[in-house]
Amino acid sequence: DDVRRLLAVLQRLVDLGNTVLLVEHNLDIMKSVDWIIDLGPE
């Protein structure tokens, strides 16, 4: 539920014309973003 609240705030920041860059592994975050930059493979 906290992740859901956080996502709503981050999406609002972007809606206002800003850019939000996350370093993240949470799948609920990853599925909700506009763009993913994937590094690896190991």
All heavy atoms as atom14 arrays in JSON, in Angstrom:
{
  "sequence": "DDVRRLLAVLQRLVDLGNTVLLVEHNLDIMKSVDWIIDLGPE",
  "atom14_mask": [
    [1, 1, 1, 1, 1, 1, 1, 1, 0, 0, 0, 0, 0, 0],
    [1, 1, 1, 1, 1, 1, 1, 1, 0, 0, 0, 0, 0, 0],
    [1, 1, 1, 1, 1, 1, 1, 0, 0, 0, 0, 0, 0, 0],
    [1, 1, 1, 1, 1, 1, 1, 1, 1, 1, 1, 0, 0, 0],
    [1, 1, 1, 1, 1, 1, 1, 1, 1, 1, 1, 0, 0, 0],
    [1, 1, 1, 1, 1, 1, 1, 1, 0, 0, 0, 0, 0, 0],
    [1, 1, 1, 1, 1, 1, 1, 1, 0, 0, 0, 0, 0, 0],
    [1, 1, 1, 1, 1, 0, 0, 0, 0, 0, 0, 0, 0, 0],
    [1, 1, 1, 1, 1, 1, 1, 0, 0, 0, 0, 0, 0, 0],
    [1, 1, 1, 1, 1, 1, 1, 1, 0, 0, 0, 0, 0, 0],
    [1, 1, 1, 1, 1, 1, 1, 1, 1, 0, 0, 0, 0, 0],
    [1, 1, 1, 1, 1, 1, 1, 1, 1, 1, 1, 0, 0, 0],
    [1, 1, 1, 1, 1, 1, 1, 1, 0, 0, 0, 0, 0, 0],
    [1, 1, 1, 1, 1, 1, 1, 0, 0, 0, 0, 0, 0, 0],
    [1, 1, 1, 1, 1, 1, 1, 1, 0, 0, 0, 0, 0, 0],
    [1, 1, 1, 1, 1, 1, 1, 1, 0, 0, 0, 0, 0, 0],
    [1, 1, 1, 1, 0, 0, 0, 0, 0, 0, 0, 0, 0, 0],
    [1, 1, 1, 1, 1, 1, 1, 1, 0, 0, 0, 0, 0, 0],
    [1, 1, 1, 1, 1, 1, 1, 0, 0, 0, 0, 0, 0, 0],
    [1, 1, 1, 1, 1, 1, 1, 0, 0, 0, 0, 0, 0, 0],
    [1, 1, 1, 1, 1, 1, 1, 1, 0, 0, 0, 0, 0, 0],
    [1, 1, 1, 1, 1, 1, 1, 1, 0, 0, 0, 0, 0, 0],
    [1, 1, 1, 1, 1, 1, 1, 0, 0, 0, 0, 0, 0, 0],
    [1, 1, 1, 1, 1, 1, 1, 1, 1, 0, 0, 0, 0, 0],
    [1, 1, 1, 1, 1, 1, 1, 1, 1, 1, 0, 0, 0, 0],
    [1, 1, 1, 1, 1, 1, 1, 1, 0, 0, 0, 0, 0, 0],
    [1, 1, 1, 1, 1, 1, 1, 1, 0, 0, 0, 0, 0, 0],
    [1, 1, 1, 1, 1, 1, 1, 1, 0, 0, 0, 0, 0, 0],
    [1, 1, 1, 1, 1, 1, 1, 1, 0, 0, 0, 0, 0, 0],
    [1, 1, 1, 1, 1, 1, 1, 1, 0, 0, 0, 0, 0, 0],
    [1, 1, 1, 1, 1, 1, 1, 1, 1, 0, 0, 0, 0, 0],
    [1, 1, 1, 1, 1, 1, 0, 0, 0, 0, 0, 0, 0, 0],
    [1, 1, 1, 1, 1, 1, 1, 0, 0, 0, 0, 0, 0, 0],
    [1, 1, 1, 1, 1, 1, 1, 1, 0, 0, 0, 0, 0, 0],
    [1, 1, 1, 1, 1, 1, 1, 1, 1, 1, 1, 1, 1, 1],
    [1, 1, 1, 1, 1, 1, 1, 1, 0, 0, 0, 0, 0, 0],
    [1, 1, 1, 1, 1, 1, 1, 1, 0, 0, 0, 0, 0, 0],
    [1, 1, 1, 1, 1, 1, 1, 1, 0, 0, 0, 0, 0, 0],
    [1, 1, 1, 1, 1, 1, 1, 1, 0, 0, 0, 0, 0, 0],
    [1, 1, 1, 1, 0, 0, 0, 0, 0, 0, 0, 0, 0, 0],
    [1, 1, 1, 1, 1, 1, 1, 0, 0, 0, 0, 0, 0, 0],
    [1, 1, 1, 1, 1, 1, 1, 1, 1, 0, 0, 0, 0, 0]
  ],
  "atom14_positions": [
    [[0.83, -1.21, 0.0], [0.0, 0.0, 0.0], [0.86, 1.25, 0.0], [0.51, 2.26, -0.63], [-0.93, -0.01, 1.22], [-2.02, 1.05, 1.11], [-2.74, 1.06, 0.1], [-2.15, 1.86, 2.05], [0.0, 0.0, 0.0], [0.0, 0.0, 0.0], [0.0, 0.0, 0.0], [0.0, 0.0, 0.0], [0.0, 0.0, 0.0], [0.0, 0.0, 0.0]],
    [[2.01, 1.2, 0.7], [2.94, 2.34, 0.69], [3.53, 2.55, -0.7], [3.73, 3.69, -1.14], [4.07, 2.12, 1.7], [3.57, 2.05, 3.13], [2.68, 2.85, 3.47], [4.06, 1.21, 3.9], [0.0, 0.0, 0.0], [0.0, 0.0, 0.0], [0.0, 0.0, 0.0], [0.0, 0.0, 0.0], [0.0, 0.0, 0.0], [0.0, 0.0, 0.0]],
    [[3.83, 1.43, -1.39], [4.36, 1.53, -2.76], [3.32, 2.18, -3.67], [3.66, 3.02, -4.52], [4.76, 0.14, -3.29], [5.16, 0.22, -4.76], [5.91, -0.43, -2.46], [0.0, 0.0, 0.0], [0.0, 0.0, 0.0], [0.0, 0.0, 0.0], [0.0, 0.0, 0.0], [0.0, 0.0, 0.0], [0.0, 0.0, 0.0], [0.0, 0.0, 0.0]],
    [[2.07, 1.82, -3.49], [1.0, 2.42, -4.3], [0.91, 3.93, -4.07], [0.78, 4.7, -5.02], [-0.35, 1.74, -3.97], [-1.51, 2.26, -4.78], [-2.71, 1.32, -4.69], [-3.16, 1.11, -3.32], [-4.14, 0.28, -2.99], [-4.76, -0.44, -3.92], [-4.52, 0.14, -1.73], [0.0, 0.0, 0.0], [0.0, 0.0, 0.0], [0.0, 0.0, 0.0]],
    [[1.02, 4.35, -2.82], [0.99, 5.78, -2.5], [2.2, 6.49, -3.13], [2.07, 7.59, -3.69], [1.03, 5.99, -0.99], [-0.27, 5.7, -0.26], [0.01, 5.75, 1.24], [-1.19, 5.56, 2.04], [-1.83, 6.53, 2.67], [-1.4, 7.77, 2.57], [-2.9, 6.29, 3.39], [0.0, 0.0, 0.0], [0.0, 0.0, 0.0], [0.0, 0.0, 0.0]],
    [[3.37, 5.87, -2.99], [4.59, 6.46, -3.53], [4.49, 6.62, -5.04], [4.85, 7.67, -5.59], [5.79, 5.59, -3.17], [7.14, 6.03, -3.74], [7.57, 7.36, -3.14], [8.21, 4.97, -3.5], [0.0, 0.0, 0.0], [0.0, 0.0, 0.0], [0.0, 0.0, 0.0], [0.0, 0.0, 0.0], [0.0, 0.0, 0.0], [0.0, 0.0, 0.0]],
    [[3.98, 5.6, -5.71], [3.84, 5.68, -7.17], [2.93, 6.82, -7.57], [3.19, 7.53, -8.56], [3.27, 4.36, -7.71], [4.28, 3.35, -8.23], [3.59, 2.03, -8.55], [5.0, 3.88, -9.46], [0.0, 0.0, 0.0], [0.0, 0.0, 0.0], [0.0, 0.0, 0.0], [0.0, 0.0, 0.0], [0.0, 0.0, 0.0], [0.0, 0.0, 0.0]],
    [[1.84, 7.02, -6.84], [0.91, 8.11, -7.16], [1.61, 9.45, -7.07], [1.41, 10.34, -7.91], [-0.3, 8.06, -6.22], [0.0, 0.0, 0.0], [0.0, 0.0, 0.0], [0.0, 0.0, 0.0], [0.0, 0.0, 0.0], [0.0, 0.0, 0.0], [0.0, 0.0, 0.0], [0.0, 0.0, 0.0], [0.0, 0.0, 0.0], [0.0, 0.0, 0.0]],
    [[2.47, 9.63, -6.05], [3.2, 10.88, -5.89], [4.2, 11.08, -7.03], [4.32, 12.17, -7.61], [3.93, 10.91, -4.53], [4.87, 12.1, -4.44], [2.91, 10.96, -3.39], [0.0, 0.0, 0.0], [0.0, 0.0, 0.0], [0.0, 0.0, 0.0], [0.0, 0.0, 0.0], [0.0, 0.0, 0.0], [0.0, 0.0, 0.0], [0.0, 0.0, 0.0]],
    [[4.93, 10.01, -7.37], [5.93, 10.11, -8.43], [5.26, 10.4, -9.78], [5.77, 11.21, -10.57], [6.74, 8.82, -8.51], [7.55, 8.46, -7.26], [8.3, 7.16, -7.47], [8.51, 9.58, -6.88], [0.0, 0.0, 0.0], [0.0, 0.0, 0.0], [0.0, 0.0, 0.0], [0.0, 0.0, 0.0], [0.0, 0.0, 0.0], [0.0, 0.0, 0.0]],
    [[4.14, 9.74, -10.05], [3.42, 9.99, -11.31], [2.95, 11.43, -11.37], [2.97, 12.07, -12.43], [2.23, 9.03, -11.44], [2.59, 7.56, -11.55], [3.11, 7.15, -12.92], [3.5, 7.99, -13.73], [3.11, 5.85, -13.19], [0.0, 0.0, 0.0], [0.0, 0.0, 0.0], [0.0, 0.0, 0.0], [0.0, 0.0, 0.0], [0.0, 0.0, 0.0]],
    [[2.54, 11.97, -10.21], [2.08, 13.37, -10.19], [3.22, 14.33, -10.5], [3.04, 15.33, -11.21], [1.47, 13.69, -8.83], [0.65, 14.98, -8.83], [0.05, 15.24, -7.48], [0.96, 16.0, -6.64], [0.81, 16.12, -5.33], [-0.15, 15.49, -4.72], [1.66, 16.85, -4.63], [0.0, 0.0, 0.0], [0.0, 0.0, 0.0], [0.0, 0.0, 0.0]],
    [[4.41, 14.03, -9.97], [5.56, 14.87, -10.27], [5.85, 14.9, -11.77], [6.15, 15.95, -12.34], [6.79, 14.34, -9.53], [6.91, 14.67, -8.04], [8.09, 13.93, -7.42], [7.05, 16.17, -7.82], [0.0, 0.0, 0.0], [0.0, 0.0, 0.0], [0.0, 0.0, 0.0], [0.0, 0.0, 0.0], [0.0, 0.0, 0.0], [0.0, 0.0, 0.0]],
    [[5.74, 13.74, -12.41], [5.99, 13.68, -13.85], [4.9, 14.4, -14.62], [5.17, 15.09, -15.62], [6.13, 12.21, -14.31], [6.37, 12.15, -15.82], [7.27, 11.52, -13.58], [0.0, 0.0, 0.0], [0.0, 0.0, 0.0], [0.0, 0.0, 0.0], [0.0, 0.0, 0.0], [0.0, 0.0, 0.0], [0.0, 0.0, 0.0], [0.0, 0.0, 0.0]],
    [[3.65, 14.26, -14.17], [2.54, 14.96, -14.84], [2.73, 16.47, -14.83], [2.21, 17.18, -15.7], [1.21, 14.61, -14.16], [0.76, 13.18, -14.44], [1.24, 12.6, -15.45], [-0.04, 12.64, -13.66], [0.0, 0.0, 0.0], [0.0, 0.0, 0.0], [0.0, 0.0, 0.0], [0.0, 0.0, 0.0], [0.0, 0.0, 0.0], [0.0, 0.0, 0.0]],
    [[3.49, 16.98, -13.85], [3.74, 18.42, -13.74], [4.9, 18.88, -14.62], [5.31, 20.03, -14.54], [4.0, 18.79, -12.28], [2.81, 18.64, -11.33], [3.25, 18.82, -9.88], [1.72, 19.64, -11.68], [0.0, 0.0, 0.0], [0.0, 0.0, 0.0], [0.0, 0.0, 0.0], [0.0, 0.0, 0.0], [0.0, 0.0, 0.0], [0.0, 0.0, 0.0]],
    [[5.46, 17.95, -15.41], [6.52, 18.32, -16.34], [7.92, 18.0, -15.87], [8.9, 18.43, -16.49], [0.0, 0.0, 0.0], [0.0, 0.0, 0.0], [0.0, 0.0, 0.0], [0.0, 0.0, 0.0], [0.0, 0.0, 0.0], [0.0, 0.0, 0.0], [0.0, 0.0, 0.0], [0.0, 0.0, 0.0], [0.0, 0.0, 0.0], [0.0, 0.0, 0.0]],
    [[8.03, 17.23, -14.79], [9.33, 16.86, -14.26], [9.74, 15.47, -14.75], [8.96, 14.76, -15.38], [9.31, 16.88, -12.73], [8.89, 18.23, -12.18], [9.58, 19.23, -12.37], [7.75, 18.28, -11.5], [0.0, 0.0, 0.0], [0.0, 0.0, 0.0], [0.0, 0.0, 0.0], [0.0, 0.0, 0.0], [0.0, 0.0, 0.0], [0.0, 0.0, 0.0]],
    [[10.95, 15.08, -14.41], [11.46, 13.74, -14.72], [11.83, 13.06, -13.42], [12.45, 13.67, -12.54], [12.71, 13.83, -15.61], [12.4, 14.56, -16.8], [13.2, 12.43, -16.0], [0.0, 0.0, 0.0], [0.0, 0.0, 0.0], [0.0, 0.0, 0.0], [0.0, 0.0, 0.0], [0.0, 0.0, 0.0], [0.0, 0.0, 0.0], [0.0, 0.0, 0.0]],
    [[11.41, 11.8, -13.27], [11.77, 11.02, -12.08], [12.57, 9.81, -12.54], [12.1, 9.01, -13.35], [10.52, 10.57, -11.3], [10.93, 9.67, -10.14], [9.74, 11.78, -10.79], [0.0, 0.0, 0.0], [0.0, 0.0, 0.0], [0.0, 0.0, 0.0], [0.0, 0.0, 0.0], [0.0, 0.0, 0.0], [0.0, 0.0, 0.0], [0.0, 0.0, 0.0]],
    [[13.8, 9.69, -12.02], [14.7, 8.59, -12.35], [14.9, 7.75, -11.1], [15.36, 8.24, -10.07], [16.04, 9.13, -12.86], [17.13, 8.11, -13.16], [16.69, 7.15, -14.25], [18.43, 8.82, -13.57], [0.0, 0.0, 0.0], [0.0, 0.0, 0.0], [0.0, 0.0, 0.0], [0.0, 0.0, 0.0], [0.0, 0.0, 0.0], [0.0, 0.0, 0.0]],
    [[14.56, 6.47, -11.18], [14.64, 5.56, -10.05], [15.68, 4.49, -10.29], [15.79, 3.97, -11.41], [13.28, 4.87, -9.81], [12.03, 5.73, -9.75], [10.8, 4.85, -9.78], [12.03, 6.58, -8.49], [0.0, 0.0, 0.0], [0.0, 0.0, 0.0], [0.0, 0.0, 0.0], [0.0, 0.0, 0.0], [0.0, 0.0, 0.0], [0.0, 0.0, 0.0]],
    [[16.43, 4.14, -9.25], [17.2, 2.9, -9.26], [16.39, 1.94, -8.4], [16.22, 2.15, -7.21], [18.61, 3.1, -8.66], [19.35, 1.77, -8.59], [19.39, 4.11, -9.47], [0.0, 0.0, 0.0], [0.0, 0.0, 0.0], [0.0, 0.0, 0.0], [0.0, 0.0, 0.0], [0.0, 0.0, 0.0], [0.0, 0.0, 0.0], [0.0, 0.0, 0.0]],
    [[15.85, 0.91, -9.01], [14.84, 0.12, -8.32], [14.76, -1.3, -8.86], [15.04, -1.56, -10.03], [13.47, 0.82, -8.45], [12.35, 0.23, -7.64], [12.67, 0.15, -6.16], [12.53, 1.16, -5.45], [13.07, -0.95, -5.73], [0.0, 0.0, 0.0], [0.0, 0.0, 0.0], [0.0, 0.0, 0.0], [0.0, 0.0, 0.0], [0.0, 0.0, 0.0]],
    [[14.33, -2.23, -7.96], [14.11, -3.63, -8.36], [12.67, -4.06, -8.15], [12.29, -5.15, -8.57], [14.98, -4.57, -7.52], [16.45, -4.3, -7.62], [17.11, -3.54, -6.69], [17.37, -4.68, -8.53], [18.39, -3.47, -7.02], [18.57, -4.14, -8.12], [0.0, 0.0, 0.0], [0.0, 0.0, 0.0], [0.0, 0.0, 0.0], [0.0, 0.0, 0.0]],
    [[11.89, -3.25, -7.44], [10.52, -3.63, -7.11], [9.7, -3.82, -8.39], [9.62, -2.93, -9.24], [9.89, -2.55, -6.23], [8.49, -2.91, -5.79], [7.54, -2.76, -6.55], [8.37, -3.37, -4.56], [0.0, 0.0, 0.0], [0.0, 0.0, 0.0], [0.0, 0.0, 0.0], [0.0, 0.0, 0.0], [0.0, 0.0, 0.0], [0.0, 0.0, 0.0]],
    [[9.07, -4.99, -8.54], [8.35, -5.3, -9.78], [7.14, -4.4, -9.99], [6.82, -4.06, -11.13], [7.92, -6.77, -9.76], [9.03, -7.79, -10.04], [8.53, -9.2, -9.79], [9.53, -7.65, -11.47], [0.0, 0.0, 0.0], [0.0, 0.0, 0.0], [0.0, 0.0, 0.0], [0.0, 0.0, 0.0], [0.0, 0.0, 0.0], [0.0, 0.0, 0.0]],
    [[6.47, -4.0, -8.9], [5.32, -3.11, -9.06], [5.76, -1.75, -9.58], [5.01, -1.09, -10.31], [4.58, -2.96, -7.72], [3.75, -4.18, -7.38], [3.07, -4.7, -8.29], [3.79, -4.63, -6.23], [0.0, 0.0, 0.0], [0.0, 0.0, 0.0], [0.0, 0.0, 0.0], [0.0, 0.0, 0.0], [0.0, 0.0, 0.0], [0.0, 0.0, 0.0]],
    [[6.95, -1.31, -9.19], [7.49, -0.06, -9.73], [7.88, -0.25, -11.19], [7.53, 0.56, -12.07], [8.72, 0.41, -8.92], [8.31, 0.8, -7.49], [9.42, 1.56, -9.62], [7.6, 2.11, -7.36], [0.0, 0.0, 0.0], [0.0, 0.0, 0.0], [0.0, 0.0, 0.0], [0.0, 0.0, 0.0], [0.0, 0.0, 0.0], [0.0, 0.0, 0.0]],
    [[8.6, -1.34, -11.47], [9.08, -1.57, -12.84], [7.94, -1.67, -13.84], [8.02, -1.16, -14.95], [9.94, -2.84, -12.88], [11.33, -2.65, -12.29], [12.47, -3.98, -12.76], [12.01, -5.25, -11.6], [0.0, 0.0, 0.0], [0.0, 0.0, 0.0], [0.0, 0.0, 0.0], [0.0, 0.0, 0.0], [0.0, 0.0, 0.0], [0.0, 0.0, 0.0]],
    [[6.85, -2.31, -13.45], [5.74, -2.47, -14.4], [4.99, -1.16, -14.62], [4.25, -1.03, -15.6], [4.76, -3.53, -13.89], [3.84, -3.06, -12.77], [2.85, -4.12, -12.32], [1.86, -3.56, -11.3], [0.93, -4.59, -10.8], [0.0, 0.0, 0.0], [0.0, 0.0, 0.0], [0.0, 0.0, 0.0], [0.0, 0.0, 0.0], [0.0, 0.0, 0.0]],
    [[5.2, -0.17, -13.72], [4.43, 1.07, -13.77], [5.16, 2.23, -14.43], [4.56, 3.28, -14.67], [4.02, 1.5, -12.35], [3.29, 0.48, -11.7], [0.0, 0.0, 0.0], [0.0, 0.0, 0.0], [0.0, 0.0, 0.0], [0.0, 0.0, 0.0], [0.0, 0.0, 0.0], [0.0, 0.0, 0.0], [0.0, 0.0, 0.0], [0.0, 0.0, 0.0]],
    [[6.47, 2.06, -14.71], [7.24, 3.18, -15.26], [7.02, 3.3, -16.77], [6.47, 2.4, -17.41], [8.74, 3.04, -14.94], [8.96, 2.95, -13.44], [9.34, 1.83, -15.65], [0.0, 0.0, 0.0], [0.0, 0.0, 0.0], [0.0, 0.0, 0.0], [0.0, 0.0, 0.0], [0.0, 0.0, 0.0], [0.0, 0.0, 0.0], [0.0, 0.0, 0.0]],
    [[7.5, 4.41, -17.32], [7.39, 4.62, -18.76], [8.55, 3.98, -19.52], [8.4, 3.59, -20.68], [7.37, 6.13, -19.07], [6.25, 6.84, -18.35], [5.1, 6.4, -18.49], [6.51, 7.83, -17.64], [0.0, 0.0, 0.0], [0.0, 0.0, 0.0], [0.0, 0.0, 0.0], [0.0, 0.0, 0.0], [0.0, 0.0, 0.0], [0.0, 0.0, 0.0]],
    [[9.7, 3.9, -18.87], [10.91, 3.47, -19.58], [11.83, 2.74, -18.6], [12.0, 3.18, -17.46], [11.64, 4.69, -20.14], [12.64, 4.41, -21.21], [14.0, 4.42, -21.08], [12.39, 4.11, -22.58], [14.6, 4.14, -22.28], [13.63, 3.95, -23.22], [11.22, 3.97, -23.33], [13.75, 3.65, -24.57], [11.32, 3.67, -24.66], [12.57, 3.51, -25.29]],
    [[12.43, 1.64, -19.04], [13.35, 0.87, -18.21], [14.71, 0.81, -18.9], [14.8, 0.56, -20.11], [12.84, -0.56, -17.96], [11.55, -0.54, -17.13], [13.9, -1.39, -17.23], [10.97, -1.92, -16.87], [0.0, 0.0, 0.0], [0.0, 0.0, 0.0], [0.0, 0.0, 0.0], [0.0, 0.0, 0.0], [0.0, 0.0, 0.0], [0.0, 0.0, 0.0]],
    [[15.76, 1.04, -18.12], [17.14, 0.89, -18.59], [17.72, -0.29, -17.82], [17.87, -0.23, -16.6], [17.96, 2.17, -18.35], [17.36, 3.32, -19.17], [19.43, 1.95, -18.7], [17.87, 4.69, -18.76], [0.0, 0.0, 0.0], [0.0, 0.0, 0.0], [0.0, 0.0, 0.0], [0.0, 0.0, 0.0], [0.0, 0.0, 0.0], [0.0, 0.0, 0.0]],
    [[18.02, -1.38, -18.53], [18.41, -2.63, -17.89], [19.9, -2.9, -18.1], [20.38, -2.96, -19.23], [17.58, -3.78, -18.48], [17.73, -5.07, -17.69], [17.95, -4.98, -16.47], [17.61, -6.16, -18.29], [0.0, 0.0, 0.0], [0.0, 0.0, 0.0], [0.0, 0.0, 0.0], [0.0, 0.0, 0.0], [0.0, 0.0, 0.0], [0.0, 0.0, 0.0]],
    [[20.63, -3.05, -16.99], [22.06, -3.32, -17.03], [22.33, -4.77, -16.66], [21.53, -5.42, -16.0], [22.81, -2.4, -16.07], [22.67, -0.89, -16.28], [23.5, -0.12, -15.26], [23.07, -0.48, -17.69], [0.0, 0.0, 0.0], [0.0, 0.0, 0.0], [0.0, 0.0, 0.0], [0.0, 0.0, 0.0], [0.0, 0.0, 0.0], [0.0, 0.0, 0.0]],
    [[23.48, -5.28, -17.07], [23.82, -6.66, -16.74], [24.9, -7.2, -17.66], [25.73, -6.43, -18.16], [0.0, 0.0, 0.0], [0.0, 0.0, 0.0], [0.0, 0.0, 0.0], [0.0, 0.0, 0.0], [0.0, 0.0, 0.0], [0.0, 0.0, 0.0], [0.0, 0.0, 0.0], [0.0, 0.0, 0.0], [0.0, 0.0, 0.0], [0.0, 0.0, 0.0]],
    [[24.87, -8.51, -17.99], [23.85, -9.48, -17.56], [24.07, -10.0, -16.15], [23.14, -10.52, -15.52], [24.01, -10.61, -18.58], [25.45, -10.53, -18.99], [25.81, -9.09, -18.96], [0.0, 0.0, 0.0], [0.0, 0.0, 0.0], [0.0, 0.0, 0.0], [0.0, 0.0, 0.0], [0.0, 0.0, 0.0], [0.0, 0.0, 0.0], [0.0, 0.0, 0.0]],
    [[25.31, -9.89, -15.63], [25.61, -10.36, -14.28], [26.15, -9.19, -13.47], [26.05, -8.04, -13.88], [26.62, -11.51, -14.33], [26.14, -12.73, -15.11], [24.96, -13.42, -14.43], [24.82, -13.27, -13.2], [24.19, -14.11, -15.13], [0.0, 0.0, 0.0], [0.0, 0.0, 0.0], [0.0, 0.0, 0.0], [0.0, 0.0, 0.0], [0.0, 0.0, 0.0]]
  ]
}
